[in-house]
Amino acid sequence: MASVFKRDPAFENIPSTKAKTLRINLNPDIYGSFAEIGAGQETARHFFRAGGASGTIAKAMSAYDKSFSDAVYGVESDGRYVTQSRLKKMLAHEMGLMEQRISREEHPDRLFFAYANTVATIDFSKRYKGHGWVGIRFQLDPKQKEYDEIVLHLRFKQNEARLQQETLGIVGVNLIYGAFYKYNKPKKLLKYLYDHIDRDTLEIDMVNFSGPNFKDVDNRLMSLQLIRNDMTDAVMFGPDGNNLLPAAILYKKNILALRGSFRPVTKVNEDMYEKSYDIFVREQTVEEEKTIVIFEITLENLKTAGEIDERDFLDRAELLGSLGHTVMISKFQEYYKLVEYFSNYTKARIGLTMGVNNLVDIFDEKYYRHLSGGILEAFGKLFFKDLKVYLYPMKNPDTGQIMTSNNVKVHPRMKELYKFFKYNGKVMDIIDYDPEIMHIFSRDVLKKITKGEEGWEEMIPEGVAQIIKEKKLFMGATVLAEKMQ
């Protein structure tokens, strides 16, 4: 039976779970409550067993019964219990009790905290793997009026509830320890959440930091860390820059996805989005109010000179957010993996908006050599769902010919396969495109920006140029632009 504990020698210098809990218990100032729902009191158990818990734990409770839980924390509008809203109410309620019941006059130096989790472990049929919300609200200075907070969402990959409970307990300890002793290194704090836990037993797919000690933390960069650290395959954030839970955003939705580098976003990108969206929402099975548009950037697309430039990443995110778009960063190089991911959360219509070059790449066998079934296996995963490709035309720079689904050139071996999907309605041309902007490419706009040349303002959506100038976006890309010559 697989253990959740690491035995790799490389982990020998990491404090043990008991050492972490004991350090907190022996700190006379750290004092708080534990509220755990759905998977036992696994985190509190570690603190009780370490010794000295009376100096740390004000209260440990678990309102398992739904009626009791509602009486304590209130009723959720959607009737669910394993939600971020429920976790936030738990943290607020428990911290409120700390403030009411612990006298500041008697304990002027105490650092209050409230730890909470609301979790659903694997069910008996093993159909649902289990997931949950975990968070801590805390202070690092007793005079601190506004609390700091770390909230994360996790998914279990183990097939036994007991193992999931053990994992949850260790994550909880790592989070509390990190909050008090690693708060000034949030990127490392994320890595430390996996101390003494095998990577393949747990996925963390959302995290948000807030509060005075995290005022300089950009949660979009924290999302990026989740991907870079192999904690998850995809992350999302909204126009406001706050991280979103993909499952909550995509659940039962019609999804229209546009992949690109968006470096920067251009009028072509916006035209692709607007024209394909108009077609998408007119599809017979699509309800507009249940539709989400995703601007997706692959991790590979974030690499500028072989490495990920965080400033460059934030510049792209800033512009997409200013246009009101939801952004997704993923590890999915191949489109079929992206569609598989979406299919985990919805059975509704999925649309992919792409240019001619992207479509040609989809029909290139070299991308599927790692699959035992080759390109047929990939296409089975890509097109067997209710999926359609919305194809934006391209102007051939040499001949001036407009390339569409009717004259696109795929490999001779792929012609019949392409015809099959084309004539079965899986590929639809965008015909009302703007012919005046077809010469625009992001790379050309970027070169003009970094070289201080004129004319790029007319190549990007209205209002975007002003943001680029005011915030000096992409100015760090000058050296790279020279290399691209």
Protein backbone atom coordinates (compact mmCIF):
# COMPACT_ATOMS: atom_id res chain seq x y z
CA MET A 1 0.00 0.00 0.00
CA ALA A 2 1.45 3.35 -1.04
CA SER A 3 2.51 5.65 1.77
CA VAL A 4 2.00 9.40 1.78
CA PHE A 5 5.38 9.88 3.44
CA LYS A 6 8.53 10.70 1.50
CA ARG A 7 11.62 8.57 2.18
CA ASP A 8 13.90 10.15 -0.40
CA PRO A 9 17.27 11.17 1.15
CA ALA A 10 16.87 14.56 -0.49
CA PHE A 11 14.10 15.27 2.01
CA GLU A 12 16.16 14.50 5.13
CA ASN A 13 16.79 18.20 5.88
CA ILE A 14 13.10 19.05 5.84
CA PRO A 15 11.64 19.34 9.37
CA SER A 16 9.43 16.40 10.19
CA THR A 17 5.71 16.91 10.61
CA LYS A 18 6.11 16.42 14.36
CA ALA A 19 8.99 18.93 14.47
CA LYS A 20 6.82 21.51 12.73
CA THR A 21 3.87 21.04 15.08
CA LEU A 22 6.12 21.03 18.13
CA ARG A 23 7.80 24.29 17.10
CA ILE A 24 4.38 25.92 16.81
CA ASN A 25 3.15 24.39 20.07
CA LEU A 26 6.21 25.60 21.95
CA ASN A 27 5.84 29.14 20.63
CA PRO A 28 4.01 30.89 23.51
CA ASP A 29 2.45 33.50 21.23
CA ILE A 30 0.79 31.40 18.49
CA TYR A 31 -2.77 30.59 19.52
CA GLY A 32 -5.81 29.62 17.51
CA SER A 33 -8.67 27.32 16.62
CA PHE A 34 -9.18 24.40 14.26
CA ALA A 35 -12.41 23.75 12.37
CA GLU A 36 -12.36 20.71 10.10
CA ILE A 37 -15.30 19.28 8.20
CA GLY A 38 -15.52 16.13 6.10
CA ALA A 39 -12.26 14.23 6.69
CA GLY A 40 -11.82 13.99 10.45
CA GLN A 41 -9.77 16.32 12.61
CA GLU A 42 -6.58 15.25 10.93
CA THR A 43 -4.63 18.50 11.22
CA ALA A 44 -5.52 19.13 14.86
CA ARG A 45 -4.55 15.52 15.63
CA HIS A 46 -0.92 16.21 14.70
CA PHE A 47 -0.77 19.13 17.15
CA PHE A 48 -2.36 17.14 19.96
CA ARG A 49 0.06 14.25 19.47
CA ALA A 50 3.18 16.45 19.31
CA GLY A 51 2.74 17.63 22.91
CA GLY A 52 2.28 21.09 24.35
CA ALA A 53 -0.93 21.65 22.42
CA SER A 54 -2.61 23.47 25.31
CA GLY A 55 -0.46 26.48 24.51
CA THR A 56 -1.58 26.53 20.88
CA ILE A 57 -5.10 25.15 20.51
CA ALA A 58 -7.95 27.27 21.81
CA LYS A 59 -10.53 24.96 20.26
CA ALA A 60 -10.75 22.06 17.84
CA MET A 61 -14.16 21.22 16.41
CA SER A 62 -15.91 19.47 13.56
CA ALA A 63 -19.53 20.22 12.74
CA TYR A 64 -20.11 17.07 10.66
CA ASP A 65 -23.90 17.11 10.71
CA LYS A 66 -25.21 19.44 8.02
CA SER A 67 -27.81 20.98 10.33
CA PHE A 68 -25.18 21.69 12.96
CA SER A 69 -22.86 23.11 10.34
CA ASP A 70 -25.58 25.40 9.01
CA ALA A 71 -26.44 26.51 12.55
CA VAL A 72 -22.83 27.47 13.20
CA TYR A 73 -21.76 28.93 9.85
CA GLY A 74 -25.01 29.74 8.07
CA VAL A 75 -26.66 28.24 4.98
CA GLU A 76 -24.95 28.43 1.60
CA SER A 77 -27.09 29.82 -1.21
CA ASP A 78 -26.26 26.81 -3.41
CA GLY A 79 -26.73 24.30 -0.58
CA ARG A 80 -23.19 22.96 -0.92
CA TYR A 81 -20.63 22.52 1.84
CA VAL A 82 -17.30 21.95 0.09
CA THR A 83 -16.93 25.44 -1.31
CA GLN A 84 -14.69 28.46 -0.94
CA SER A 85 -17.62 30.44 0.42
CA ARG A 86 -18.10 27.90 3.22
CA LEU A 87 -14.40 27.94 4.05
CA LYS A 88 -14.38 31.75 4.24
CA LYS A 89 -17.38 31.71 6.59
CA MET A 90 -15.63 29.15 8.78
CA LEU A 91 -12.48 31.27 9.00
CA ALA A 92 -14.43 34.46 9.75
CA HIS A 93 -16.60 32.78 12.40
CA GLU A 94 -13.75 31.07 14.23
CA MET A 95 -11.56 34.19 14.20
CA GLY A 96 -14.50 36.21 15.51
CA LEU A 97 -14.81 33.83 18.46
CA MET A 98 -11.09 34.14 19.16
CA GLU A 99 -11.42 37.91 19.37
CA GLN A 100 -14.49 37.70 21.59
CA ARG A 101 -13.29 35.06 24.03
CA ILE A 102 -9.55 35.68 24.41
CA SER A 103 -8.78 38.83 26.37
CA ARG A 104 -6.22 41.09 24.75
CA GLU A 105 -5.48 42.66 28.12
CA GLU A 106 -4.47 39.28 29.55
CA HIS A 107 -2.72 38.11 26.36
CA PRO A 108 -1.31 41.21 24.62
CA ASP A 109 1.34 39.27 22.65
CA ARG A 110 -0.74 36.42 21.30
CA LEU A 111 -0.87 35.88 17.55
CA PHE A 112 -4.35 34.64 16.69
CA PHE A 113 -5.07 32.20 13.89
CA ALA A 114 -8.03 30.23 12.59
CA TYR A 115 -7.37 27.14 10.50
CA ALA A 116 -10.21 25.49 8.59
CA ASN A 117 -10.90 22.89 5.96
CA THR A 118 -14.04 21.59 4.32
CA VAL A 119 -13.40 18.38 2.41
CA ALA A 120 -15.12 15.51 0.61
CA THR A 121 -12.96 12.39 0.51
CA ILE A 122 -13.35 9.58 -2.04
CA ASP A 123 -16.81 7.99 -2.11
CA PHE A 124 -17.52 4.27 -1.68
CA SER A 125 -17.99 3.71 -5.40
CA LYS A 126 -14.64 5.45 -6.00
CA ARG A 127 -16.33 7.45 -8.73
CA TYR A 128 -15.42 10.78 -7.19
CA LYS A 129 -11.81 11.08 -6.04
CA GLY A 130 -12.39 13.77 -3.47
CA HIS A 131 -11.42 17.41 -3.10
CA GLY A 132 -11.52 20.21 -0.60
CA TRP A 133 -10.79 23.77 0.50
CA VAL A 134 -8.12 24.54 3.08
CA GLY A 135 -7.26 27.91 4.59
CA ILE A 136 -5.74 29.87 7.43
CA ARG A 137 -6.49 33.38 8.67
CA PHE A 138 -3.73 34.68 10.94
CA GLN A 139 -1.74 37.61 12.26
CA LEU A 140 2.01 38.10 12.59
CA ASP A 141 1.73 41.13 14.86
CA PRO A 142 -0.75 41.25 17.78
CA LYS A 143 -1.51 44.89 16.92
CA GLN A 144 -2.30 43.94 13.33
CA LYS A 145 -5.91 44.93 12.63
CA GLU A 146 -6.24 43.29 9.22
CA TYR A 147 -5.54 39.56 9.07
CA ASP A 148 -3.45 37.73 6.52
CA GLU A 149 -5.05 34.79 4.74
CA ILE A 150 -4.01 31.86 2.58
CA VAL A 151 -6.71 29.81 0.83
CA LEU A 152 -6.11 26.82 -1.42
CA HIS A 153 -8.07 24.15 -3.23
CA LEU A 154 -6.82 20.59 -3.49
CA ARG A 155 -7.74 17.37 -5.26
CA PHE A 156 -6.90 13.94 -3.94
CA LYS A 157 -5.49 11.24 -6.19
CA GLN A 158 -5.36 8.38 -3.69
CA ASN A 159 -7.96 5.60 -3.76
CA GLU A 160 -8.53 5.24 -0.02
CA ALA A 161 -10.26 7.72 2.26
CA ARG A 162 -7.80 6.97 5.08
CA LEU A 163 -4.82 7.92 2.93
CA GLN A 164 -6.57 11.09 1.81
CA GLN A 165 -7.20 11.99 5.45
CA GLU A 166 -3.53 11.48 6.29
CA THR A 167 -2.49 13.65 3.36
CA LEU A 168 -4.91 16.39 4.39
CA GLY A 169 -3.51 16.40 7.92
CA ILE A 170 0.05 16.88 6.67
CA VAL A 171 -0.97 19.62 4.24
CA GLY A 172 -2.68 21.42 7.11
CA VAL A 173 0.44 21.27 9.26
CA ASN A 174 2.59 22.48 6.36
CA LEU A 175 0.21 25.37 5.72
CA ILE A 176 0.11 26.56 9.33
CA TYR A 177 3.88 26.21 9.68
CA GLY A 178 4.44 28.04 6.41
CA ALA A 179 2.06 30.85 7.39
CA PHE A 180 4.07 31.70 10.51
CA TYR A 181 7.61 30.80 9.49
CA LYS A 182 7.75 31.09 5.67
CA TYR A 183 5.28 33.91 5.01
CA ASN A 184 8.05 36.15 3.64
CA LYS A 185 8.86 33.57 0.93
CA PRO A 186 5.46 32.76 -0.61
CA LYS A 187 6.91 30.88 -3.60
CA LYS A 188 8.85 28.58 -1.31
CA LEU A 189 5.85 28.32 0.99
CA LEU A 190 3.93 26.74 -1.91
CA LYS A 191 6.67 24.14 -2.41
CA TYR A 192 6.75 23.37 1.30
CA LEU A 193 3.07 22.39 1.20
CA TYR A 194 4.31 19.10 -0.29
CA ASP A 195 6.78 18.36 2.51
CA HIS A 196 6.47 14.62 3.35
CA ILE A 197 3.81 14.12 0.66
CA ASP A 198 4.29 12.30 -2.65
CA ARG A 199 3.57 14.60 -5.58
CA ASP A 200 1.32 12.07 -7.28
CA THR A 201 -1.05 11.84 -4.32
CA LEU A 202 -2.28 15.42 -4.34
CA GLU A 203 -3.05 18.25 -6.76
CA ILE A 204 -3.26 21.90 -5.68
CA ASP A 205 -5.04 23.79 -8.43
CA MET A 206 -5.80 27.15 -6.82
CA VAL A 207 -4.26 29.39 -4.19
CA ASN A 208 -4.84 32.98 -3.10
CA PHE A 209 -2.80 35.09 -0.70
CA SER A 210 -4.28 38.22 0.87
CA GLY A 211 -3.60 40.60 3.72
CA PRO A 212 -1.02 43.22 4.72
CA ASN A 213 1.99 40.90 4.66
CA PHE A 214 1.04 39.69 1.18
CA LYS A 215 0.24 43.09 -0.32
CA ASP A 216 3.12 42.69 -2.78
CA VAL A 217 2.18 39.13 -3.76
CA ASP A 218 0.65 38.83 -7.23
CA ASN A 219 -1.67 35.85 -7.14
CA ARG A 220 -1.26 35.35 -10.88
CA LEU A 221 2.42 34.59 -10.24
CA MET A 222 1.38 32.19 -7.51
CA SER A 223 -0.82 30.45 -10.08
CA LEU A 224 2.16 30.23 -12.38
CA GLN A 225 4.17 28.60 -9.58
CA LEU A 226 1.56 25.86 -9.24
CA ILE A 227 2.16 24.96 -12.88
CA ARG A 228 5.95 25.29 -12.75
CA ASN A 229 6.12 23.13 -9.61
CA ASP A 230 4.00 20.38 -11.23
CA MET A 231 1.29 20.86 -8.62
CA THR A 232 -1.40 21.04 -11.31
CA ASP A 233 -1.86 21.01 -15.09
CA ALA A 234 -3.84 24.23 -15.49
CA VAL A 235 -4.71 27.38 -13.58
CA MET A 236 -7.09 30.25 -14.25
CA PHE A 237 -7.50 33.84 -13.16
CA GLY A 238 -10.10 36.46 -13.84
CA PRO A 239 -9.90 40.01 -15.22
CA ASP A 240 -9.28 41.30 -11.68
CA GLY A 241 -6.14 39.15 -11.37
CA ASN A 242 -7.54 36.88 -8.67
CA ASN A 243 -7.06 33.16 -9.12
CA LEU A 244 -10.11 31.08 -10.00
CA LEU A 245 -10.92 27.42 -9.47
CA PRO A 246 -11.12 25.89 -12.97
CA ALA A 247 -13.71 23.32 -11.91
CA ALA A 248 -16.06 26.03 -10.65
CA ILE A 249 -15.67 28.19 -13.75
CA LEU A 250 -15.96 25.38 -16.32
CA TYR A 251 -18.60 23.21 -14.64
CA LYS A 252 -21.39 22.36 -17.10
CA LYS A 253 -20.47 25.35 -19.27
CA ASN A 254 -20.21 25.76 -23.02
CA ILE A 255 -16.54 26.60 -23.53
CA LEU A 256 -14.96 28.63 -26.29
CA ALA A 257 -11.15 28.62 -26.07
CA LEU A 258 -8.58 30.73 -27.93
CA ARG A 259 -4.93 29.72 -27.71
CA GLY A 260 -2.12 32.17 -28.38
CA SER A 261 0.92 33.97 -27.06
CA PHE A 262 -0.96 37.30 -26.80
CA ARG A 263 2.37 39.08 -26.67
CA PRO A 264 0.69 41.52 -26.95
CA VAL A 265 -2.97 40.93 -27.73
CA THR A 266 -3.76 42.35 -31.20
CA LYS A 267 -6.77 43.36 -33.26
CA VAL A 268 -6.55 39.96 -34.95
CA ASN A 269 -6.93 38.20 -31.59
CA GLU A 270 -9.97 40.31 -30.77
CA ASP A 271 -11.50 39.77 -34.22
CA MET A 272 -11.00 36.02 -33.86
CA TYR A 273 -12.71 36.12 -30.48
CA GLU A 274 -15.64 38.33 -31.47
CA LYS A 275 -16.44 36.58 -34.75
CA SER A 276 -16.12 33.03 -33.40
CA TYR A 277 -18.15 33.94 -30.32
CA ASP A 278 -20.99 35.23 -32.48
CA ILE A 279 -21.06 31.90 -34.34
CA PHE A 280 -20.64 29.83 -31.17
CA VAL A 281 -23.56 31.30 -29.23
CA ARG A 282 -25.84 30.83 -32.25
CA GLU A 283 -25.22 27.07 -32.21
CA GLN A 284 -28.43 25.21 -31.47
CA THR A 285 -27.20 23.56 -28.25
CA VAL A 286 -25.46 26.64 -26.82
CA GLU A 287 -27.03 28.91 -24.20
CA GLU A 288 -25.17 32.21 -24.00
CA GLU A 289 -25.71 32.62 -20.24
CA LYS A 290 -24.00 29.25 -19.72
CA THR A 291 -21.00 30.06 -21.92
CA ILE A 292 -17.45 30.92 -20.85
CA VAL A 293 -14.64 32.22 -23.09
CA ILE A 294 -11.08 31.24 -22.16
CA PHE A 295 -7.91 32.87 -23.47
CA GLU A 296 -5.37 30.09 -23.04
CA ILE A 297 -1.58 30.35 -22.98
CA THR A 298 0.54 27.22 -22.79
CA LEU A 299 3.50 27.09 -20.45
CA GLU A 300 5.71 26.69 -23.51
CA ASN A 301 4.26 29.89 -24.98
CA LEU A 302 5.30 31.78 -21.87
CA LYS A 303 8.96 31.02 -22.50
CA THR A 304 10.60 33.90 -24.27
CA ALA A 305 14.31 33.06 -24.37
CA GLY A 306 14.12 29.51 -23.07
CA GLU A 307 12.98 30.65 -19.64
CA ILE A 308 9.74 32.05 -18.27
CA ASP A 309 9.93 35.82 -17.83
CA GLU A 310 7.51 36.63 -15.01
CA ARG A 311 7.32 40.32 -15.90
CA ASP A 312 6.49 39.43 -19.49
CA PHE A 313 3.82 37.00 -18.27
CA LEU A 314 2.22 39.68 -16.10
CA ASP A 315 2.26 42.15 -19.00
CA ARG A 316 0.25 39.75 -21.14
CA ALA A 317 -2.13 39.02 -18.27
CA GLU A 318 -2.57 42.74 -17.59
CA LEU A 319 -3.72 43.43 -21.14
CA LEU A 320 -6.06 40.44 -21.38
CA GLY A 321 -7.55 41.37 -18.02
CA SER A 322 -8.06 44.98 -19.13
CA LEU A 323 -10.18 43.63 -22.00
CA GLY A 324 -12.29 41.63 -19.54
CA HIS A 325 -10.97 38.20 -20.46
CA THR A 326 -10.52 35.11 -18.30
CA VAL A 327 -7.03 33.64 -18.72
CA MET A 328 -5.89 30.05 -18.44
CA ILE A 329 -2.29 28.83 -18.26
CA SER A 330 -1.83 25.16 -19.09
CA LYS A 331 0.76 22.46 -19.70
CA PHE A 332 -1.24 21.10 -22.65
CA GLN A 333 0.91 21.31 -25.77
CA GLU A 334 -1.56 19.28 -27.84
CA TYR A 335 -5.12 20.44 -28.35
CA TYR A 336 -6.58 17.02 -27.56
CA LYS A 337 -5.21 17.28 -24.02
CA LEU A 338 -6.88 20.65 -23.59
CA VAL A 339 -10.20 19.20 -24.77
CA GLU A 340 -9.77 16.22 -22.43
CA TYR A 341 -9.26 18.63 -19.56
CA PHE A 342 -12.39 20.62 -20.40
CA SER A 343 -14.33 17.37 -20.73
CA ASN A 344 -13.62 16.59 -17.08
CA TYR A 345 -15.95 19.43 -16.14
CA THR A 346 -18.54 19.71 -18.89
CA LYS A 347 -20.48 17.67 -21.40
CA ALA A 348 -21.69 20.80 -23.17
CA ARG A 349 -20.37 22.24 -26.45
CA ILE A 350 -16.65 22.99 -26.73
CA GLY A 351 -15.29 25.33 -29.40
CA LEU A 352 -11.69 26.00 -30.39
CA THR A 353 -10.87 29.20 -32.24
CA MET A 354 -7.63 28.96 -34.18
CA GLY A 355 -5.73 30.13 -37.22
CA VAL A 356 -4.80 28.10 -40.28
CA ASN A 357 -1.28 27.33 -39.04
CA ASN A 358 -2.66 25.80 -35.85
CA LEU A 359 -5.04 23.60 -37.81
CA VAL A 360 -2.18 22.36 -40.01
CA ASP A 361 -0.21 21.48 -36.86
CA ILE A 362 -3.13 19.45 -35.51
CA PHE A 363 -2.87 17.22 -38.59
CA ASP A 364 0.88 16.72 -38.20
CA GLU A 365 1.67 13.15 -37.11
CA LYS A 366 4.92 14.07 -35.35
CA TYR A 367 2.96 15.44 -32.39
CA TYR A 368 1.37 12.06 -31.66
CA ARG A 369 4.28 9.60 -31.91
CA HIS A 370 4.21 9.09 -28.14
CA LEU A 371 0.66 7.71 -28.34
CA SER A 372 0.24 3.99 -29.01
CA GLY A 373 -2.69 4.78 -31.28
CA GLY A 374 -0.92 7.71 -32.93
CA ILE A 375 -2.93 10.49 -34.52
CA LEU A 376 -6.11 8.39 -34.61
CA GLU A 377 -6.05 8.06 -30.83
CA ALA A 378 -5.53 11.82 -30.45
CA PHE A 379 -8.34 12.62 -32.86
CA GLY A 380 -10.64 10.21 -31.08
CA LYS A 381 -10.07 12.22 -27.92
CA LEU A 382 -10.26 15.54 -29.70
CA PHE A 383 -13.36 15.16 -31.85
CA PHE A 384 -15.54 12.51 -30.25
CA LYS A 385 -17.00 15.13 -27.93
CA ASP A 386 -19.40 17.87 -29.02
CA LEU A 387 -16.51 19.92 -30.40
CA LYS A 388 -16.10 22.28 -33.32
CA VAL A 389 -13.13 24.26 -34.69
CA TYR A 390 -13.75 27.87 -35.76
CA LEU A 391 -11.08 28.65 -38.32
CA TYR A 392 -9.75 32.16 -38.85
CA PRO A 393 -8.26 32.61 -42.35
CA MET A 394 -4.68 33.54 -43.12
CA LYS A 395 -3.22 35.53 -45.99
CA ASN A 396 -0.35 33.80 -47.73
CA PRO A 397 2.50 36.37 -47.59
CA ASP A 398 4.00 35.12 -50.86
CA THR A 399 0.94 34.69 -53.08
CA GLY A 400 -1.62 36.89 -51.32
CA GLN A 401 -4.08 33.94 -51.37
CA ILE A 402 -6.56 33.74 -48.50
CA MET A 403 -6.14 30.35 -46.83
CA THR A 404 -9.31 28.73 -45.43
CA SER A 405 -10.48 25.22 -44.60
CA ASN A 406 -11.16 24.70 -48.31
CA ASN A 407 -7.60 25.19 -49.56
CA VAL A 408 -5.46 24.51 -46.49
CA LYS A 409 -2.51 22.20 -47.19
CA VAL A 410 -2.14 19.21 -44.85
CA HIS A 411 0.26 16.29 -45.26
CA PRO A 412 -0.80 14.00 -48.14
CA ARG A 413 -1.30 11.09 -45.74
CA MET A 414 -3.70 13.24 -43.70
CA LYS A 415 -5.89 14.46 -46.57
CA GLU A 416 -8.62 11.85 -46.21
CA LEU A 417 -8.67 12.19 -42.42
CA TYR A 418 -8.93 15.95 -42.77
CA LYS A 419 -11.78 15.62 -45.27
CA PHE A 420 -13.65 13.34 -42.89
CA PHE A 421 -13.68 15.93 -40.10
CA LYS A 422 -14.14 18.87 -42.45
CA TYR A 423 -17.22 17.45 -44.17
CA ASN A 424 -18.71 16.20 -40.93
CA GLY A 425 -19.04 19.77 -39.76
CA LYS A 426 -16.18 19.75 -37.25
CA VAL A 427 -14.38 22.66 -38.93
CA MET A 428 -16.17 25.93 -39.65
CA ASP A 429 -14.67 28.93 -41.44
CA ILE A 430 -15.01 32.41 -40.00
CA ILE A 431 -16.14 34.28 -43.10
CA ASP A 432 -16.96 37.77 -41.79
CA TYR A 433 -13.38 38.50 -40.75
CA ASP A 434 -11.76 41.91 -41.12
CA PRO A 435 -9.48 41.75 -44.22
CA GLU A 436 -7.80 45.03 -43.28
CA ILE A 437 -6.00 43.55 -40.27
CA MET A 438 -4.73 40.25 -41.65
CA HIS A 439 -1.17 41.56 -41.88
CA ILE A 440 -0.94 42.02 -38.09
CA PHE A 441 1.19 39.63 -36.05
CA SER A 442 2.02 39.91 -32.34
CA ARG A 443 5.74 39.48 -32.96
CA ASP A 444 5.77 42.51 -35.28
CA VAL A 445 3.89 44.63 -32.77
CA LEU A 446 6.30 43.60 -30.03
CA LYS A 447 9.33 44.59 -32.12
CA LYS A 448 7.86 48.02 -32.79
CA ILE A 449 7.09 48.57 -29.09
CA THR A 450 10.53 47.57 -27.87
CA LYS A 451 12.32 49.59 -30.58
CA GLY A 452 10.24 52.68 -30.01
CA GLU A 453 8.91 52.66 -33.56
CA GLU A 454 5.62 54.25 -34.56
CA GLY A 455 2.51 52.62 -35.95
CA TRP A 456 1.94 49.79 -33.50
CA GLU A 457 -0.90 51.60 -31.73
CA GLU A 458 -3.23 50.97 -34.69
CA MET A 459 -2.49 47.23 -34.56
CA ILE A 460 -3.94 46.54 -31.11
CA PRO A 461 -7.43 46.89 -29.57
CA GLU A 462 -8.70 50.31 -28.54
CA GLY A 463 -7.40 51.46 -25.16
CA VAL A 464 -4.61 48.87 -25.01
CA ALA A 465 -1.92 51.22 -26.35
CA GLN A 466 -2.55 53.66 -23.53
CA ILE A 467 -2.14 50.89 -20.93
CA ILE A 468 1.11 49.71 -22.54
CA LYS A 469 2.51 53.25 -22.47
CA GLU A 470 1.33 54.15 -18.98
CA LYS A 471 2.59 50.94 -17.37
CA LYS A 472 5.60 50.54 -19.67
CA LEU A 473 4.58 46.98 -20.55
CA PHE A 474 6.89 44.76 -22.59
CA MET A 475 9.77 47.18 -22.13
CA GLY A 476 11.80 44.33 -20.67
CA ALA A 477 11.56 42.52 -24.01
CA THR A 478 14.01 44.79 -25.86
CA VAL A 479 16.95 42.39 -25.76
CA LEU A 480 14.79 39.50 -26.86
CA ALA A 481 13.37 41.50 -29.76
CA GLU A 482 16.90 42.11 -31.01
CA LYS A 483 17.58 38.38 -30.88
CA MET A 484 14.48 37.72 -32.93
CA GLN A 485 15.81 39.77 -35.87
